[in-house]
Amino acid sequence: MIGSSYYMFSDFKVMAHLIYEYKKGLRQLALITIPTDNRHNAEQMLSVKGMDYIIQEVDKDKINIFFGDSRCLRIIESFNQSSLSKLSDEQDFMLGIMLGYDRAQQCERYLSRTQKHGNLLKAV
């Protein structure tokens, strides 16, 4: 069985890579989900790197950490949602675009969500 220290190491390796991509201008916003036990170390790492961030509790065992451009973080804060599953269709779309997900796939996801919720877009 792989110990929890392995997962902690891999979480921080991924986090370091996301910070690198942000610093190089490849992304404006990053999201990582890590165990709550790693919160202090994650905050310390982000502080040392001079990164702005927001932490949201997923459940008692996990947290989401958004970090990157302060403008993107202000938009996330404006959503006033602690759970990603509670985002509106528009908020979900905006978040995906800010995280750098494929635009066409985000459009498809948005259309699928709006159809599922009965908010069909009118043909242009």
C-alpha atoms as a PDB file:
ATOM      1  CA  MET A   1       0.000   0.000   0.000  1.00  0.00           C
ATOM      2  CA  ILE A   2       1.245   3.454  -0.891  1.00  0.00           C
ATOM      3  CA  GLY A   3       1.583   5.752   2.117  1.00  0.00           C
ATOM      4  CA  SER A   4      -0.022   9.168   2.485  1.00  0.00           C
ATOM      5  CA  SER A   5       3.389  10.847   2.139  1.00  0.00           C
ATOM      6  CA  TYR A   6       3.479   9.670  -1.490  1.00  0.00           C
ATOM      7  CA  TYR A   7       0.184  11.426  -2.185  1.00  0.00           C
ATOM      8  CA  MET A   8       1.380  14.555  -0.402  1.00  0.00           C
ATOM      9  CA  PHE A   9       4.521  14.557  -2.562  1.00  0.00           C
ATOM     10  CA  SER A  10       2.565  14.079  -5.782  1.00  0.00           C
ATOM     11  CA  ASP A  11       0.049  16.810  -4.828  1.00  0.00           C
ATOM     12  CA  PHE A  12       2.857  19.292  -4.294  1.00  0.00           C
ATOM     13  CA  LYS A  13       4.631  18.211  -7.453  1.00  0.00           C
ATOM     14  CA  VAL A  14       1.452  18.958  -9.422  1.00  0.00           C
ATOM     15  CA  MET A  15       1.016  22.225  -7.555  1.00  0.00           C
ATOM     16  CA  ALA A  16       4.601  23.263  -8.321  1.00  0.00           C
ATOM     17  CA  HIS A  17       3.993  22.527 -12.012  1.00  0.00           C
ATOM     18  CA  LEU A  18       0.798  24.622 -12.035  1.00  0.00           C
ATOM     19  CA  ILE A  19       2.664  27.497 -10.363  1.00  0.00           C
ATOM     20  CA  TYR A  20       5.402  27.185 -13.008  1.00  0.00           C
ATOM     21  CA  GLU A  21       2.801  27.365 -15.796  1.00  0.00           C
ATOM     22  CA  TYR A  22       1.228  30.437 -14.184  1.00  0.00           C
ATOM     23  CA  LYS A  23       4.575  32.190 -13.796  1.00  0.00           C
ATOM     24  CA  LYS A  24       5.381  31.456 -17.480  1.00  0.00           C
ATOM     25  CA  GLY A  25       2.017  32.891 -18.600  1.00  0.00           C
ATOM     26  CA  LEU A  26       0.593  29.577 -19.794  1.00  0.00           C
ATOM     27  CA  ARG A  27      -2.416  29.857 -17.495  1.00  0.00           C
ATOM     28  CA  GLN A  28      -4.089  32.599 -15.497  1.00  0.00           C
ATOM     29  CA  LEU A  29      -5.814  30.342 -12.975  1.00  0.00           C
ATOM     30  CA  ALA A  30      -5.210  26.908 -11.512  1.00  0.00           C
ATOM     31  CA  LEU A  31      -7.276  24.548  -9.381  1.00  0.00           C
ATOM     32  CA  ILE A  32      -6.026  21.648  -7.313  1.00  0.00           C
ATOM     33  CA  THR A  33      -7.927  19.424  -4.900  1.00  0.00           C
ATOM     34  CA  ILE A  34      -5.843  18.101  -2.013  1.00  0.00           C
ATOM     35  CA  PRO A  35      -6.398  16.475   1.365  1.00  0.00           C
ATOM     36  CA  THR A  36      -7.310  18.912   4.135  1.00  0.00           C
ATOM     37  CA  ASP A  37      -4.261  17.701   6.082  1.00  0.00           C
ATOM     38  CA  ASN A  38      -2.012  19.338   3.454  1.00  0.00           C
ATOM     39  CA  ARG A  39      -3.634  22.773   3.750  1.00  0.00           C
ATOM     40  CA  HIS A  40      -0.915  24.401   5.855  1.00  0.00           C
ATOM     41  CA  ASN A  41       1.897  23.214   3.581  1.00  0.00           C
ATOM     42  CA  ALA A  42      -0.013  24.324   0.488  1.00  0.00           C
ATOM     43  CA  GLU A  43      -0.655  27.779   1.921  1.00  0.00           C
ATOM     44  CA  GLN A  44       2.997  28.060   2.875  1.00  0.00           C
ATOM     45  CA  MET A  45       4.109  27.067  -0.640  1.00  0.00           C
ATOM     46  CA  LEU A  46       1.769  29.600  -2.267  1.00  0.00           C
ATOM     47  CA  SER A  47       2.826  32.358   0.129  1.00  0.00           C
ATOM     48  CA  VAL A  48       6.527  31.738  -0.519  1.00  0.00           C
ATOM     49  CA  LYS A  49       5.854  31.936  -4.282  1.00  0.00           C
ATOM     50  CA  GLY A  50       3.850  35.160  -3.833  1.00  0.00           C
ATOM     51  CA  MET A  51       0.669  33.605  -5.202  1.00  0.00           C
ATOM     52  CA  ASP A  52      -2.866  34.852  -4.583  1.00  0.00           C
ATOM     53  CA  TYR A  53      -5.242  32.016  -3.708  1.00  0.00           C
ATOM     54  CA  ILE A  54      -8.654  30.982  -2.410  1.00  0.00           C
ATOM     55  CA  ILE A  55      -9.339  27.821  -0.443  1.00  0.00           C
ATOM     56  CA  GLN A  56     -12.761  26.169  -0.459  1.00  0.00           C
ATOM     57  CA  GLU A  57     -13.680  23.138   1.616  1.00  0.00           C
ATOM     58  CA  VAL A  58     -14.988  20.247  -0.476  1.00  0.00           C
ATOM     59  CA  ASP A  59     -15.748  18.029   2.511  1.00  0.00           C
ATOM     60  CA  LYS A  60     -14.060  17.238   5.818  1.00  0.00           C
ATOM     61  CA  ASP A  61     -11.227  15.435   4.014  1.00  0.00           C
ATOM     62  CA  LYS A  62     -10.573  17.584   0.909  1.00  0.00           C
ATOM     63  CA  ILE A  63     -10.109  21.210  -0.119  1.00  0.00           C
ATOM     64  CA  ASN A  64     -10.048  23.000  -3.453  1.00  0.00           C
ATOM     65  CA  ILE A  65      -7.329  25.579  -3.886  1.00  0.00           C
ATOM     66  CA  PHE A  66      -7.697  28.134  -6.662  1.00  0.00           C
ATOM     67  CA  PHE A  67      -4.602  30.210  -7.325  1.00  0.00           C
ATOM     68  CA  GLY A  68      -3.365  32.637  -9.918  1.00  0.00           C
ATOM     69  CA  ASP A  69      -4.451  36.005 -11.257  1.00  0.00           C
ATOM     70  CA  SER A  70      -6.266  38.097  -8.647  1.00  0.00           C
ATOM     71  CA  ARG A  71      -8.909  39.159 -11.204  1.00  0.00           C
ATOM     72  CA  CYS A  72      -9.864  35.528 -11.811  1.00  0.00           C
ATOM     73  CA  LEU A  73      -9.960  34.900  -8.072  1.00  0.00           C
ATOM     74  CA  ARG A  74     -12.288  37.880  -7.573  1.00  0.00           C
ATOM     75  CA  ILE A  75     -14.663  36.384 -10.133  1.00  0.00           C
ATOM     76  CA  ILE A  76     -14.622  33.049  -8.299  1.00  0.00           C
ATOM     77  CA  GLU A  77     -15.352  34.864  -5.030  1.00  0.00           C
ATOM     78  CA  SER A  78     -18.266  36.663  -6.717  1.00  0.00           C
ATOM     79  CA  PHE A  79     -19.892  33.297  -7.421  1.00  0.00           C
ATOM     80  CA  ASN A  80     -20.572  32.987  -3.665  1.00  0.00           C
ATOM     81  CA  GLN A  81     -20.536  29.185  -3.917  1.00  0.00           C
ATOM     82  CA  SER A  82     -18.525  26.844  -1.764  1.00  0.00           C
ATOM     83  CA  SER A  83     -19.294  23.857  -3.987  1.00  0.00           C
ATOM     84  CA  LEU A  84     -18.436  23.582  -7.662  1.00  0.00           C
ATOM     85  CA  SER A  85     -21.525  21.427  -8.183  1.00  0.00           C
ATOM     86  CA  LYS A  86     -23.717  24.405  -7.204  1.00  0.00           C
ATOM     87  CA  LEU A  87     -22.372  26.731  -9.888  1.00  0.00           C
ATOM     88  CA  SER A  88     -24.852  28.018 -12.439  1.00  0.00           C
ATOM     89  CA  ASP A  89     -24.370  26.958 -16.042  1.00  0.00           C
ATOM     90  CA  GLU A  90     -22.810  30.338 -16.828  1.00  0.00           C
ATOM     91  CA  GLN A  91     -20.492  30.232 -13.798  1.00  0.00           C
ATOM     92  CA  ASP A  92     -19.392  26.699 -14.694  1.00  0.00           C
ATOM     93  CA  PHE A  93     -18.621  27.868 -18.235  1.00  0.00           C
ATOM     94  CA  MET A  94     -16.653  30.901 -17.023  1.00  0.00           C
ATOM     95  CA  LEU A  95     -14.651  28.808 -14.580  1.00  0.00           C
ATOM     96  CA  GLY A  96     -13.738  26.272 -17.251  1.00  0.00           C
ATOM     97  CA  ILE A  97     -12.565  29.012 -19.601  1.00  0.00           C
ATOM     98  CA  MET A  98     -10.542  30.716 -16.839  1.00  0.00           C
ATOM     99  CA  LEU A  99      -8.898  27.383 -15.977  1.00  0.00           C
ATOM    100  CA  GLY A 100      -7.842  27.035 -19.612  1.00  0.00           C
ATOM    101  CA  TYR A 101     -10.041  24.100 -20.538  1.00  0.00           C
ATOM    102  CA  ASP A 102     -10.675  23.521 -24.235  1.00  0.00           C
ATOM    103  CA  ARG A 103     -13.104  26.213 -25.444  1.00  0.00           C
ATOM    104  CA  ALA A 104     -15.062  23.976 -27.795  1.00  0.00           C
ATOM    105  CA  GLN A 105     -15.503  21.362 -25.056  1.00  0.00           C
ATOM    106  CA  GLN A 106     -16.604  24.084 -22.632  1.00  0.00           C
ATOM    107  CA  CYS A 107     -19.171  25.259 -25.196  1.00  0.00           C
ATOM    108  CA  GLU A 108     -20.426  21.679 -25.579  1.00  0.00           C
ATOM    109  CA  ARG A 109     -20.583  21.280 -21.776  1.00  0.00           C
ATOM    110  CA  TYR A 110     -22.502  24.552 -21.457  1.00  0.00           C
ATOM    111  CA  LEU A 111     -24.992  23.555 -24.149  1.00  0.00           C
ATOM    112  CA  SER A 112     -25.456  20.143 -22.528  1.00  0.00           C
ATOM    113  CA  ARG A 113     -25.995  21.670 -19.079  1.00  0.00           C
ATOM    114  CA  THR A 114     -28.471  24.273 -20.337  1.00  0.00           C
ATOM    115  CA  GLN A 115     -30.433  21.611 -22.210  1.00  0.00           C
ATOM    116  CA  LYS A 116     -30.467  19.401 -19.112  1.00  0.00           C
ATOM    117  CA  HIS A 117     -31.731  22.312 -16.997  1.00  0.00           C
ATOM    118  CA  GLY A 118     -34.343  23.284 -19.584  1.00  0.00           C
ATOM    119  CA  ASN A 119     -32.574  26.533 -20.444  1.00  0.00           C
ATOM    120  CA  LEU A 120     -32.270  25.889 -24.162  1.00  0.00           C
ATOM    121  CA  LEU A 121     -30.490  28.565 -26.113  1.00  0.00           C
ATOM    122  CA  LYS A 122     -32.422  30.044 -29.007  1.00  0.00           C
ATOM    123  CA  ALA A 123     -30.951  29.524 -32.449  1.00  0.00           C
ATOM    124  CA  VAL A 124     -29.145  32.535 -33.800  1.00  0.00           C
END
